[in-house]
Protein backbone atom coordinates (compact mmCIF):
# COMPACT_ATOMS: atom_id res chain seq x y z
CA MET A 1 71.16 12.70 -129.36
CA ALA A 2 73.48 11.59 -132.09
CA SER A 3 71.78 8.10 -132.06
CA LEU A 4 68.41 9.77 -132.41
CA VAL A 5 69.75 11.99 -135.31
CA ARG A 6 71.03 8.90 -137.22
CA ALA A 7 67.65 7.24 -136.52
CA ILE A 8 65.59 10.11 -138.02
CA TYR A 9 67.98 10.24 -140.99
CA LEU A 10 67.87 6.52 -141.74
CA ALA A 11 64.05 6.23 -141.08
CA ARG A 12 61.72 6.09 -143.99
CA ASP A 13 58.43 6.09 -142.20
CA ARG A 14 56.80 9.39 -141.61
CA ARG A 15 55.37 8.30 -138.21
CA LEU A 16 58.61 7.03 -137.01
CA GLU A 17 60.44 10.22 -138.19
CA ARG A 18 57.98 12.25 -136.20
CA GLN A 19 58.42 10.22 -133.07
CA VAL A 20 62.20 10.39 -133.20
CA GLN A 21 62.04 14.15 -133.97
CA LEU A 22 59.99 14.69 -130.71
CA GLN A 23 62.48 12.75 -128.80
CA VAL A 24 65.32 14.92 -130.17
CA GLN A 25 63.43 18.07 -129.10
CA ALA A 26 62.65 16.63 -125.65
CA LEU A 27 66.36 15.71 -125.13
CA ALA A 28 67.42 19.15 -126.27
CA GLN A 29 65.15 20.83 -123.82
CA GLY A 30 66.49 18.71 -121.10
CA PHE A 31 70.11 20.18 -121.31
CA PRO A 32 70.77 22.30 -118.12
CA PHE A 33 71.46 25.91 -118.69
CA ASP A 34 74.72 25.76 -116.72
CA ALA A 35 76.12 23.09 -119.08
CA GLY A 36 77.60 25.78 -121.38
CA VAL A 37 76.31 28.38 -123.85
CA ASN A 38 77.67 26.39 -126.72
CA VAL A 39 76.23 23.07 -125.53
CA VAL A 40 72.79 24.55 -124.91
CA ALA A 41 72.73 26.44 -128.30
CA GLY A 42 74.11 23.33 -130.07
CA SER A 43 71.35 21.16 -128.64
CA LYS A 44 68.67 23.62 -129.88
CA ARG A 45 70.34 23.82 -133.29
CA VAL A 46 70.36 19.96 -133.57
CA ALA A 47 66.59 19.91 -132.69
CA ILE A 48 65.99 22.42 -135.51
CA LEU A 49 68.09 20.31 -137.86
CA SER A 50 66.19 17.08 -137.01
CA LYS A 51 63.05 18.91 -137.87
CA GLU A 52 64.45 20.00 -141.20
CA ILE A 53 65.47 16.44 -141.97
CA ALA A 54 61.97 15.15 -141.22
CA THR A 55 60.41 17.94 -143.28
CA ALA A 56 62.84 17.35 -146.29
CA ARG A 57 62.03 13.65 -146.28
CA GLN A 58 58.26 14.31 -146.24
CA GLN A 59 58.66 16.80 -149.14
CA ALA A 60 60.68 14.19 -150.93
CA ARG A 61 57.94 11.65 -150.49
CA ASP A 62 55.22 14.21 -151.55
CA SER A 63 57.38 14.93 -154.70
CA ALA A 64 57.67 11.27 -155.52
CA VAL A 65 53.93 10.86 -155.27
CA GLN A 66 53.53 13.93 -157.65
CA ASN A 67 56.05 12.18 -160.02
CA SER A 68 58.49 15.15 -159.60
CA THR A 69 62.09 15.03 -158.63
CA ALA A 70 62.95 14.53 -154.94
CA PHE A 71 66.62 14.95 -155.32
CA THR A 72 66.69 18.57 -153.97
CA PHE A 73 64.81 17.51 -150.78
CA GLU A 74 67.21 14.57 -150.25
CA GLU A 75 70.14 16.96 -150.58
CA ARG A 76 68.55 19.24 -147.99
CA ALA A 77 68.05 16.21 -145.67
CA THR A 78 71.62 15.12 -146.12
CA ALA A 79 73.06 18.62 -145.58
CA ALA A 80 70.91 18.94 -142.43
CA TYR A 81 72.10 15.66 -141.14
CA SER A 82 75.78 16.55 -141.73
CA GLU A 83 75.49 19.81 -139.97
CA ALA A 84 73.76 18.07 -137.05
CA ILE A 85 76.45 15.44 -136.72
CA LYS A 86 79.16 18.20 -136.87
CA THR A 87 77.42 20.15 -134.18
CA LEU A 88 77.17 17.03 -132.02
CA ASP A 89 80.81 16.37 -132.48
CA ASP A 90 81.61 19.90 -131.38
CA MET A 91 79.38 19.59 -128.27
CA GLY A 92 81.14 16.31 -127.41
CA LYS A 93 84.56 17.86 -127.60
CA GLU A 94 83.43 20.74 -125.37
CA LEU A 95 81.84 18.45 -122.89
CA SER A 96 84.98 16.22 -122.91
CA GLY A 97 87.05 19.38 -122.29
CA ASP A 98 84.87 20.38 -119.42
CA ALA A 99 85.16 16.88 -117.85
CA ALA A 100 88.94 17.15 -118.19
CA LEU A 101 89.03 20.44 -116.45
CA ALA A 102 86.86 19.16 -113.64
CA ALA A 103 89.02 16.16 -113.23
CA ASP A 104 92.08 18.50 -112.97
CA ARG A 105 90.40 20.69 -110.39
CA LEU A 106 89.43 17.62 -108.46
CA ALA A 107 93.03 16.30 -108.52
CA GLU A 108 94.31 19.69 -107.33
CA GLU A 109 91.83 19.74 -104.50
CA ILE A 110 92.83 16.13 -103.48
CA GLN A 111 96.42 17.02 -103.43
CA SER A 112 95.79 20.12 -101.37
CA GLY A 113 93.63 18.19 -98.96
CA ALA A 114 96.22 15.56 -98.60
CA ALA A 115 98.92 18.13 -97.87
CA ARG A 116 96.83 19.78 -95.21
CA THR A 117 96.00 16.44 -93.56
CA ARG A 118 99.77 15.52 -93.51
CA TYR A 119 100.61 18.73 -91.83
CA THR A 120 97.83 18.34 -89.37
CA VAL A 121 98.81 14.78 -88.36
CA LEU A 122 102.44 15.96 -87.80
CA ALA A 123 101.10 18.85 -85.68
CA THR A 124 98.89 16.69 -83.56
CA LEU A 125 101.22 13.94 -82.37
CA LEU A 126 99.27 13.58 -79.11
CA ILE A 127 96.26 12.06 -80.93
CA PRO A 128 97.62 10.34 -83.94
CA GLY A 129 95.45 7.27 -83.73
CA LEU A 130 92.15 9.03 -83.44
CA SER A 131 93.15 11.51 -86.26
CA CYS A 132 93.97 8.67 -88.53
CA ILE A 133 90.70 6.80 -87.83
CA VAL A 134 88.65 9.89 -88.49
CA PHE A 135 90.52 10.87 -91.56
CA LEU A 136 90.18 7.33 -93.09
CA TRP A 137 86.44 7.21 -92.34
CA LEU A 138 85.91 10.67 -93.86
CA ALA A 139 87.97 9.79 -96.94
CA ARG A 140 86.12 6.61 -97.47
CA ARG A 141 82.72 8.17 -96.96
CA HIS A 142 83.14 11.27 -98.91
CA LEU A 143 85.93 10.51 -101.48
CA ALA A 144 86.36 6.74 -101.99
CA ASN A 145 82.78 5.75 -101.80
CA PRO A 146 81.47 8.34 -104.40
CA ILE A 147 84.28 7.41 -106.79
CA LEU A 148 83.60 3.70 -106.43
CA SER A 149 79.88 4.38 -106.90
CA ALA A 150 80.49 6.31 -110.08
CA ILE A 151 82.67 3.59 -111.42
CA ALA A 152 80.10 1.01 -110.51
CA ASN A 153 77.37 3.04 -112.38
CA LEU A 154 79.64 3.24 -115.43
CA ASN A 155 79.95 -0.53 -115.38
CA ARG A 156 76.25 -0.88 -115.08
CA ILE A 157 75.72 1.43 -118.12
CA ASN A 158 78.26 -0.66 -120.08
CA ASN A 159 76.33 -3.85 -119.13
CA ASN A 160 72.86 -2.43 -120.00
CA ALA A 161 71.84 -2.39 -116.37
CA PRO A 162 69.94 0.41 -114.52
CA THR A 163 72.22 2.88 -112.55
CA VAL A 164 71.79 3.18 -108.87
CA PRO A 165 71.98 6.59 -107.09
CA HIS A 166 74.60 7.05 -104.37
CA ARG A 167 72.99 6.64 -100.86
CA THR A 168 74.71 9.83 -99.56
CA ARG A 169 75.32 12.67 -101.66
CA PRO A 170 79.05 13.54 -101.77
CA ILE A 171 80.09 16.77 -100.02
CA LEU A 172 82.72 17.69 -102.64
CA THR A 173 80.92 19.69 -105.44
CA GLU A 174 83.00 18.10 -108.21
CA LEU A 175 82.23 14.60 -107.13
CA ALA A 176 78.55 15.48 -106.64
CA MET A 177 78.41 16.85 -110.05
CA ILE A 178 80.11 13.81 -111.69
CA ASP A 179 77.85 11.41 -109.75
CA ASP A 180 74.74 13.33 -110.95
CA ALA A 181 75.99 13.40 -114.48
CA ILE A 182 76.63 9.64 -114.55
CA TYR A 183 73.22 8.88 -113.10
CA SER A 184 71.42 11.13 -115.45
CA TYR A 185 73.23 9.63 -118.40
CA GLY A 186 72.34 6.17 -117.20
CA GLU A 187 68.64 7.07 -116.89
CA THR A 188 68.62 8.63 -120.28
CA THR A 189 70.33 5.51 -121.81
CA SER A 190 67.86 3.15 -120.10
CA GLU A 191 64.90 5.35 -121.40
CA LEU A 192 66.22 5.29 -124.97
CA ARG A 193 66.84 1.56 -124.74
CA ARG A 194 63.29 0.94 -123.52
CA LYS A 195 61.90 3.22 -126.31
CA ASN A 196 63.96 1.33 -128.87
CA VAL A 197 62.46 -1.95 -127.63
CA VAL A 198 58.93 -0.45 -127.89
CA LEU A 199 59.57 0.81 -131.39
CA GLN A 200 61.00 -2.54 -132.45
CA ALA A 201 57.96 -4.27 -131.06
CA LEU A 202 55.66 -1.79 -132.80
CA ALA A 203 57.49 -2.34 -136.11
CA GLU A 204 57.14 -6.19 -135.99
CA GLU A 205 53.93 -6.99 -134.20
CA ASP A 206 50.28 -6.37 -134.81
CA SER A 207 48.91 -4.64 -131.73
CA LEU A 208 45.44 -6.23 -131.64
CA THR A 209 46.33 -9.90 -132.14
CA GLY A 210 49.96 -10.00 -131.09
CA LEU A 211 50.98 -11.77 -134.32
CA ALA A 212 53.49 -10.51 -136.78
CA ASN A 213 52.53 -7.75 -138.95
CA ARG A 214 52.57 -7.46 -142.67
CA ARG A 215 56.11 -6.09 -142.98
CA THR A 216 57.55 -8.95 -140.84
CA PHE A 217 55.66 -11.52 -142.80
CA GLU A 218 57.01 -10.23 -146.07
CA THR A 219 60.64 -10.21 -144.81
CA PHE A 220 60.13 -13.66 -143.40
CA LEU A 221 58.61 -14.92 -146.71
CA LYS A 222 61.63 -13.61 -148.75
CA ALA A 223 64.11 -15.26 -146.26
CA SER A 224 62.22 -18.62 -146.51
CA LEU A 225 62.21 -18.63 -150.25
CA SER A 226 65.95 -17.86 -150.42
CA ASP A 227 66.71 -20.70 -147.84
CA LEU A 228 68.45 -23.40 -149.77
CA SER A 229 68.25 -25.79 -146.85
CA ARG A 230 64.49 -25.96 -146.75
CA LEU A 231 62.81 -29.36 -147.43
CA GLY A 232 60.13 -29.56 -149.97
CA GLY A 233 59.13 -25.96 -150.48
CA THR A 234 57.44 -22.84 -149.01
CA ALA A 235 53.71 -22.77 -148.58
CA VAL A 236 51.54 -19.64 -148.05
CA LEU A 237 48.05 -19.85 -146.63
CA MET A 238 46.04 -16.71 -147.11
CA ILE A 239 43.09 -16.74 -144.59
CA ASP A 240 40.10 -14.36 -144.71
CA LEU A 241 37.11 -14.48 -142.25
CA ASP A 242 33.73 -15.07 -143.95
CA HIS A 243 31.10 -12.35 -143.61
CA PHE A 244 33.18 -10.40 -141.15
CA LYS A 245 31.46 -7.11 -142.02
CA SER A 246 28.02 -8.75 -141.16
CA ILE A 247 29.63 -9.72 -137.80
CA ASN A 248 30.65 -6.22 -136.97
CA ASP A 249 27.27 -4.75 -138.12
CA ARG A 250 25.31 -7.30 -135.95
CA TYR A 251 27.46 -7.66 -132.91
CA GLY A 252 29.67 -4.56 -132.94
CA HIS A 253 33.41 -3.99 -133.36
CA GLN A 254 34.25 -5.35 -129.92
CA ILE A 255 32.90 -8.79 -130.92
CA GLY A 256 34.62 -8.43 -134.17
CA ASP A 257 37.97 -7.86 -132.55
CA ARG A 258 37.26 -10.79 -130.28
CA CYS A 259 36.82 -13.00 -133.48
CA LEU A 260 40.11 -11.74 -134.80
CA GLN A 261 41.92 -12.41 -131.48
CA SER A 262 40.43 -15.98 -131.39
CA LEU A 263 41.55 -16.70 -134.88
CA ALA A 264 45.01 -15.44 -134.03
CA LEU A 265 45.13 -17.74 -131.11
CA VAL A 266 44.29 -20.70 -133.39
CA LEU A 267 47.02 -19.67 -135.92
CA SER A 268 49.65 -19.29 -133.16
CA SER A 269 48.86 -22.70 -131.62
CA ILE A 270 48.95 -24.98 -134.67
CA GLU A 271 51.51 -27.73 -134.49
CA ASP A 272 53.55 -29.93 -136.71
CA LEU A 273 54.52 -27.19 -139.12
CA SER A 274 58.18 -26.58 -140.12
CA LYS A 275 59.50 -23.10 -139.40
CA PRO A 276 56.11 -21.36 -139.37
CA LEU A 277 55.06 -17.78 -139.12
CA SER A 278 51.61 -16.49 -138.56
CA ALA A 279 50.73 -12.84 -139.23
CA ARG A 280 47.83 -10.51 -139.68
CA TYR A 281 48.06 -9.32 -143.36
CA GLY A 282 45.47 -6.54 -142.97
CA GLY A 283 41.85 -6.09 -141.76
CA GLU A 284 40.28 -9.59 -141.34
CA GLU A 285 42.98 -11.28 -143.47
CA PHE A 286 45.63 -13.42 -141.94
CA VAL A 287 48.55 -15.41 -143.47
CA VAL A 288 50.63 -18.43 -142.53
CA VAL A 289 53.95 -19.22 -144.19
CA TYR A 290 55.90 -22.38 -143.53
CA ASN A 291 57.98 -25.22 -145.17
CA ALA A 292 55.64 -27.85 -146.56
CA ASP A 293 56.57 -31.15 -148.13
CA SER A 294 54.29 -30.68 -151.12
CA GLU A 295 51.36 -28.63 -152.53
CA GLU A 296 48.95 -31.47 -151.66
CA GLN A 297 50.12 -31.46 -148.13
CA ALA A 298 49.65 -27.69 -147.89
CA LEU A 299 46.11 -28.06 -149.09
CA VAL A 300 45.34 -30.78 -146.51
CA ASP A 301 46.70 -28.45 -143.81
CA ALA A 302 44.49 -25.66 -145.07
CA LEU A 303 41.48 -27.87 -145.02
CA PHE A 304 42.07 -28.97 -141.59
CA LEU A 305 42.62 -25.39 -140.54
CA CYS A 306 39.10 -24.53 -141.86
CA ARG A 307 37.65 -27.19 -139.63
CA ARG A 308 39.52 -25.81 -136.68
CA ILE A 309 38.18 -22.31 -137.28
CA GLU A 310 34.70 -23.60 -137.83
CA ALA A 311 34.90 -25.53 -134.50
CA MET A 312 35.66 -22.37 -132.53
CA ARG A 313 33.02 -20.85 -130.17
CA ILE A 314 33.03 -17.03 -129.73
CA PRO A 315 31.25 -15.91 -126.56
CA VAL A 316 28.58 -13.21 -127.15
CA GLU A 317 26.55 -11.25 -124.73
CA GLY A 318 22.99 -12.40 -124.63
CA GLU A 319 23.80 -15.63 -126.57
CA GLN A 320 25.74 -18.53 -125.51
CA SER A 321 28.27 -18.41 -128.37
CA MET A 322 28.73 -17.87 -132.09
CA THR A 323 30.72 -19.63 -134.75
CA ILE A 324 32.87 -18.18 -137.54
CA THR A 325 34.14 -19.62 -140.81
CA ALA A 326 37.04 -18.76 -143.06
CA SER A 327 38.15 -19.12 -146.62
CA ILE A 328 41.71 -20.10 -147.39
CA GLY A 329 43.86 -19.59 -150.48
CA VAL A 330 46.97 -21.91 -150.76
CA ALA A 331 50.14 -21.16 -152.81
CA PHE A 332 53.22 -23.39 -152.93
CA SER A 333 56.74 -22.81 -154.25
CA GLY A 334 58.99 -25.81 -154.52
CA LYS A 335 62.79 -25.89 -154.60
CA ASN A 336 62.72 -26.89 -158.22
CA ASP A 337 60.11 -24.33 -159.12
CA PRO A 338 61.14 -21.11 -157.31
CA ALA A 339 58.89 -18.07 -157.17
CA GLU A 340 59.24 -14.51 -156.09
CA ALA A 341 57.64 -13.47 -152.80
CA SER A 342 55.14 -11.03 -154.50
CA ASP A 343 54.27 -13.68 -157.02
CA LEU A 344 53.52 -16.28 -154.35
CA ILE A 345 51.43 -13.73 -152.36
CA LEU A 346 49.41 -12.89 -155.57
CA ARG A 347 48.83 -16.57 -156.30
CA ALA A 348 47.55 -17.16 -152.75
CA ASP A 349 45.37 -14.02 -152.92
CA LYS A 350 43.80 -15.37 -156.24
CA ALA A 351 43.24 -18.73 -154.70
CA LEU A 352 41.50 -16.99 -151.73
CA TYR A 353 39.20 -15.14 -154.07
CA SER A 354 38.47 -18.31 -155.79
CA ALA A 355 37.45 -19.87 -152.45
CA LYS A 356 35.26 -16.87 -151.66
CA SER A 357 33.42 -17.00 -154.92
CA GLY A 358 33.03 -20.77 -154.70
CA GLY A 359 30.94 -20.58 -151.45
CA ARG A 360 33.34 -19.75 -148.67
CA ASN A 361 34.40 -21.95 -145.74
CA ARG A 362 36.77 -23.80 -147.97
CA ALA A 363 40.42 -23.96 -149.10
CA VAL A 364 41.44 -23.66 -152.68
CA CYS A 365 44.93 -24.27 -154.22
CA ASP A 366 46.07 -21.61 -156.66
CA ARG A 367 46.38 -24.31 -159.39
CA ALA A 368 42.87 -25.38 -158.77
CA ALA A 369 41.84 -21.79 -158.89
CA HIS A 370 43.30 -21.49 -162.47
CA THR A 371 41.41 -24.61 -163.62
CA GLY A 372 38.12 -23.44 -162.03
CA ARG A 373 37.97 -26.36 -159.58
CA HIS A 374 37.04 -25.67 -155.92
CA VAL A 375 37.91 -27.82 -152.84
CA SER A 376 35.64 -27.70 -149.86
CA ARG A 377 36.75 -30.54 -147.56
CA ALA A 378 39.22 -33.41 -147.64
CA GLY A 379 40.83 -35.96 -145.53
CA GLY A 380 44.59 -36.72 -145.07
CA ASN A 381 47.18 -36.23 -142.42
CA PRO A 382 46.42 -32.67 -141.26
CA ILE A 383 48.09 -30.40 -138.80
CA ARG A 384 46.95 -30.77 -135.21
């Protein structure tokens, strides 16, 4: 729950804040009523505070849109976060105290049982062997095995592996309670880890095409421009499908999605590029960023990519297949002529607009766009 509270406080996305808030509420409702009044009340209070954090953050964003101060709302979010963390610390201390008390009680019961066993063995000298065998078997089955199973599950949790329930429920109430608590903790940890993986994937990938999304592309581009070890420079190819609206209107959005997926497959399978990343920029726009030797080579790569796209065949019901074309804007930033990521994207977008206005199904470099020259097809050593 503390990890979720930190996540909702650090998140800056409304949708992610909402998802984490729902997880906090679900976890709060999952606390058993016999866990202690303070623990149950604390979990409910943390759920309320997580909602306050998300609400304050949303109000701060709304205030920013309205050009008003958002400082008060940020203070509310910080105060709610501080109170939630303090409440969680208090809950942790109480749970630690309960665990210590349970361990003391268990130790007392073990000592008492050992004393009774010792006196029983002394009193039954006629059957010492049988008594020892029965005692050792019972101790191993109902005492040692549950403890070893609990230790093994703790090691699994530490190694990010799923917990395994004990085959036989321990007879001792305290051991059974400890075993259940460790198993439940492991299940909760695994579920949170799985959700974190899903959230990470959603934050980095486009769900329709499987390519990187716009946020991942922008992060990658900034890292590429700041890489001093790159050879040549960084090239950005801005790709837009031609007449995509007409395709959707004529064949339906299902065929339109198929076109986007086919283009994504081509972009993810291109070879001979140095440190490439293909991403869906938005709608029918895609982008490829990689290290290129020169601006001329980047333009040759873009022209060859136009031919690759034009050669694709999209299966359509009632017809054998259909073809699509794309326009590409090319922007290049060399090591001796560095550019900001936003400026490079803007240059590629302007070149793409020039390619569109020049007749589509062509590639245009941003410098050619400035001079009004359009490039349709060219030879060279293209990507394969």
